[in-house]
Amino acid sequence: MISKLFDRPVYLKEKRDLVREITAVEDAIDFLEDWPERERDMIHDAALKTCYMAHDGLKPLNAARDAVRAFGKKKGILVKQPAVQPWMIKTPAGGGRVSP
């Protein structure tokens, strides 16, 4: 299956200090399908439906991305692109990653 990538990722807070990068419509569907049933509402349903329609080629990918962003904003879990963390930077000596 060919992944349907967004033009820019969406970042959503999963847990207290965990941010999930949503880069494709499949990632968005997985995230929304994992959302607790007791917390689902019309906004969740609309976002999920839009993502499935984009996956099937019935809506553009940017509509799915916008729906996921709107869902994240409404739920208070949308975050700006995270800053570079120290463990993401290689050491000047060419070694591996710096441990956290």
C-alpha atoms as a PDB file:
ATOM      1  CA  MET A   1       0.000   0.000   0.000  1.00  0.00           C
ATOM      2  CA  ILE A   2       1.288   3.477  -0.871  1.00  0.00           C
ATOM      3  CA  SER A   3       1.396   5.887   2.044  1.00  0.00           C
ATOM      4  CA  LYS A   4      -0.504   9.120   1.509  1.00  0.00           C
ATOM      5  CA  LEU A   5       1.805  11.710   3.051  1.00  0.00           C
ATOM      6  CA  PHE A   6       0.733  15.128   4.285  1.00  0.00           C
ATOM      7  CA  ASP A   7       2.666  18.135   2.994  1.00  0.00           C
ATOM      8  CA  ARG A   8       3.603  18.926   6.632  1.00  0.00           C
ATOM      9  CA  PRO A   9       3.246  16.767   9.735  1.00  0.00           C
ATOM     10  CA  VAL A  10       0.744  17.435  12.507  1.00  0.00           C
ATOM     11  CA  TYR A  11       1.926  17.083  16.107  1.00  0.00           C
ATOM     12  CA  LEU A  12      -0.533  15.853  18.733  1.00  0.00           C
ATOM     13  CA  LYS A  13       0.068  15.305  22.419  1.00  0.00           C
ATOM     14  CA  GLU A  14      -0.607  11.667  23.332  1.00  0.00           C
ATOM     15  CA  LYS A  15       0.355  11.596  26.971  1.00  0.00           C
ATOM     16  CA  ARG A  16       1.798  14.079  29.396  1.00  0.00           C
ATOM     17  CA  ASP A  17       5.219  14.389  27.755  1.00  0.00           C
ATOM     18  CA  LEU A  18       4.721  12.373  24.573  1.00  0.00           C
ATOM     19  CA  VAL A  19       4.059  14.060  21.224  1.00  0.00           C
ATOM     20  CA  ARG A  20       3.028  11.996  18.219  1.00  0.00           C
ATOM     21  CA  GLU A  21       4.018  13.072  14.716  1.00  0.00           C
ATOM     22  CA  ILE A  22       1.221  12.468  12.203  1.00  0.00           C
ATOM     23  CA  THR A  23       2.839  12.416   8.752  1.00  0.00           C
ATOM     24  CA  ALA A  24       0.288  10.544   6.651  1.00  0.00           C
ATOM     25  CA  VAL A  25      -3.422   9.880   6.430  1.00  0.00           C
ATOM     26  CA  GLU A  26      -2.791   6.322   7.712  1.00  0.00           C
ATOM     27  CA  ASP A  27      -1.136   7.761  10.848  1.00  0.00           C
ATOM     28  CA  ALA A  28      -4.136  10.024  11.374  1.00  0.00           C
ATOM     29  CA  ILE A  29      -6.582   7.129  11.023  1.00  0.00           C
ATOM     30  CA  ASP A  30      -4.575   5.033  13.503  1.00  0.00           C
ATOM     31  CA  PHE A  31      -4.497   7.917  15.981  1.00  0.00           C
ATOM     32  CA  LEU A  32      -8.235   8.570  15.697  1.00  0.00           C
ATOM     33  CA  GLU A  33      -9.139   4.872  15.842  1.00  0.00           C
ATOM     34  CA  ASP A  34      -7.108   4.579  19.073  1.00  0.00           C
ATOM     35  CA  TRP A  35      -8.967   7.517  20.649  1.00  0.00           C
ATOM     36  CA  PRO A  36     -10.987   6.306  23.687  1.00  0.00           C
ATOM     37  CA  GLU A  37     -14.595   5.562  22.734  1.00  0.00           C
ATOM     38  CA  ARG A  38     -15.968   7.374  25.780  1.00  0.00           C
ATOM     39  CA  GLU A  39     -14.271  10.598  24.557  1.00  0.00           C
ATOM     40  CA  ARG A  40     -15.460  10.416  20.950  1.00  0.00           C
ATOM     41  CA  ASP A  41     -17.834  13.078  19.696  1.00  0.00           C
ATOM     42  CA  MET A  42     -19.020  14.695  16.456  1.00  0.00           C
ATOM     43  CA  ILE A  43     -15.646  16.346  15.855  1.00  0.00           C
ATOM     44  CA  HIS A  44     -13.874  13.010  16.219  1.00  0.00           C
ATOM     45  CA  ASP A  45     -16.368  11.350  13.887  1.00  0.00           C
ATOM     46  CA  ALA A  46     -16.017  14.103  11.265  1.00  0.00           C
ATOM     47  CA  ALA A  47     -12.200  13.971  11.396  1.00  0.00           C
ATOM     48  CA  LEU A  48     -12.151  10.184  11.100  1.00  0.00           C
ATOM     49  CA  LYS A  49     -14.655  10.200   8.222  1.00  0.00           C
ATOM     50  CA  THR A  50     -12.635  12.870   6.399  1.00  0.00           C
ATOM     51  CA  CYS A  51      -9.439  10.839   6.829  1.00  0.00           C
ATOM     52  CA  TYR A  52     -11.077   7.684   5.465  1.00  0.00           C
ATOM     53  CA  MET A  53     -12.447   9.646   2.510  1.00  0.00           C
ATOM     54  CA  ALA A  54      -8.984  11.106   1.794  1.00  0.00           C
ATOM     55  CA  HIS A  55      -7.494   7.621   2.068  1.00  0.00           C
ATOM     56  CA  ASP A  56      -9.987   6.405  -0.533  1.00  0.00           C
ATOM     57  CA  GLY A  57      -9.267   9.369  -2.831  1.00  0.00           C
ATOM     58  CA  LEU A  58     -12.654  11.019  -2.299  1.00  0.00           C
ATOM     59  CA  LYS A  59     -11.188  14.093  -0.556  1.00  0.00           C
ATOM     60  CA  PRO A  60      -7.797  15.798  -0.869  1.00  0.00           C
ATOM     61  CA  LEU A  61      -5.071  14.945   1.651  1.00  0.00           C
ATOM     62  CA  ASN A  62      -4.966  18.529   2.922  1.00  0.00           C
ATOM     63  CA  ALA A  63      -8.640  18.164   3.974  1.00  0.00           C
ATOM     64  CA  ALA A  64      -7.644  15.201   6.155  1.00  0.00           C
ATOM     65  CA  ARG A  65      -4.687  17.136   7.585  1.00  0.00           C
ATOM     66  CA  ASP A  66      -6.927  20.116   8.335  1.00  0.00           C
ATOM     67  CA  ALA A  67      -9.486  17.828  10.004  1.00  0.00           C
ATOM     68  CA  VAL A  68      -6.818  16.263  12.240  1.00  0.00           C
ATOM     69  CA  ARG A  69      -5.481  19.714  13.165  1.00  0.00           C
ATOM     70  CA  ALA A  70      -9.009  20.932  13.980  1.00  0.00           C
ATOM     71  CA  PHE A  71      -9.609  17.829  16.106  1.00  0.00           C
ATOM     72  CA  GLY A  72      -6.322  18.371  17.958  1.00  0.00           C
ATOM     73  CA  LYS A  73      -7.049  22.047  18.523  1.00  0.00           C
ATOM     74  CA  LYS A  74     -10.563  21.359  19.828  1.00  0.00           C
ATOM     75  CA  LYS A  75      -9.258  18.662  22.198  1.00  0.00           C
ATOM     76  CA  GLY A  76      -6.365  20.844  23.361  1.00  0.00           C
ATOM     77  CA  ILE A  77      -3.711  18.388  22.150  1.00  0.00           C
ATOM     78  CA  LEU A  78      -2.397  20.200  19.068  1.00  0.00           C
ATOM     79  CA  VAL A  79       1.198  21.285  19.573  1.00  0.00           C
ATOM     80  CA  LYS A  80       3.581  23.314  17.451  1.00  0.00           C
ATOM     81  CA  GLN A  81       6.467  21.504  15.834  1.00  0.00           C
ATOM     82  CA  PRO A  82       8.635  20.376  18.724  1.00  0.00           C
ATOM     83  CA  ALA A  83      12.022  21.967  19.175  1.00  0.00           C
ATOM     84  CA  VAL A  84      15.097  19.881  18.496  1.00  0.00           C
ATOM     85  CA  GLN A  85      15.866  17.765  21.527  1.00  0.00           C
ATOM     86  CA  PRO A  86      19.467  17.160  22.673  1.00  0.00           C
ATOM     87  CA  TRP A  87      19.289  13.448  21.848  1.00  0.00           C
ATOM     88  CA  MET A  88      18.528  14.303  18.201  1.00  0.00           C
ATOM     89  CA  ILE A  89      21.883  16.018  17.679  1.00  0.00           C
ATOM     90  CA  LYS A  90      25.060  14.178  16.687  1.00  0.00           C
ATOM     91  CA  THR A  91      28.192  14.950  18.641  1.00  0.00           C
ATOM     92  CA  PRO A  92      30.885  17.028  16.877  1.00  0.00           C
ATOM     93  CA  ALA A  93      33.274  14.043  16.995  1.00  0.00           C
ATOM     94  CA  GLY A  94      30.925  12.184  14.682  1.00  0.00           C
ATOM     95  CA  GLY A  95      29.753   9.801  17.390  1.00  0.00           C
ATOM     96  CA  GLY A  96      26.232   8.595  17.823  1.00  0.00           C
ATOM     97  CA  ARG A  97      23.395  10.381  19.484  1.00  0.00           C
ATOM     98  CA  VAL A  98      23.802  12.089  22.799  1.00  0.00           C
ATOM     99  CA  SER A  99      21.940  10.189  25.486  1.00  0.00           C
ATOM    100  CA  PRO A 100      19.094  11.939  27.277  1.00  0.00           C
END
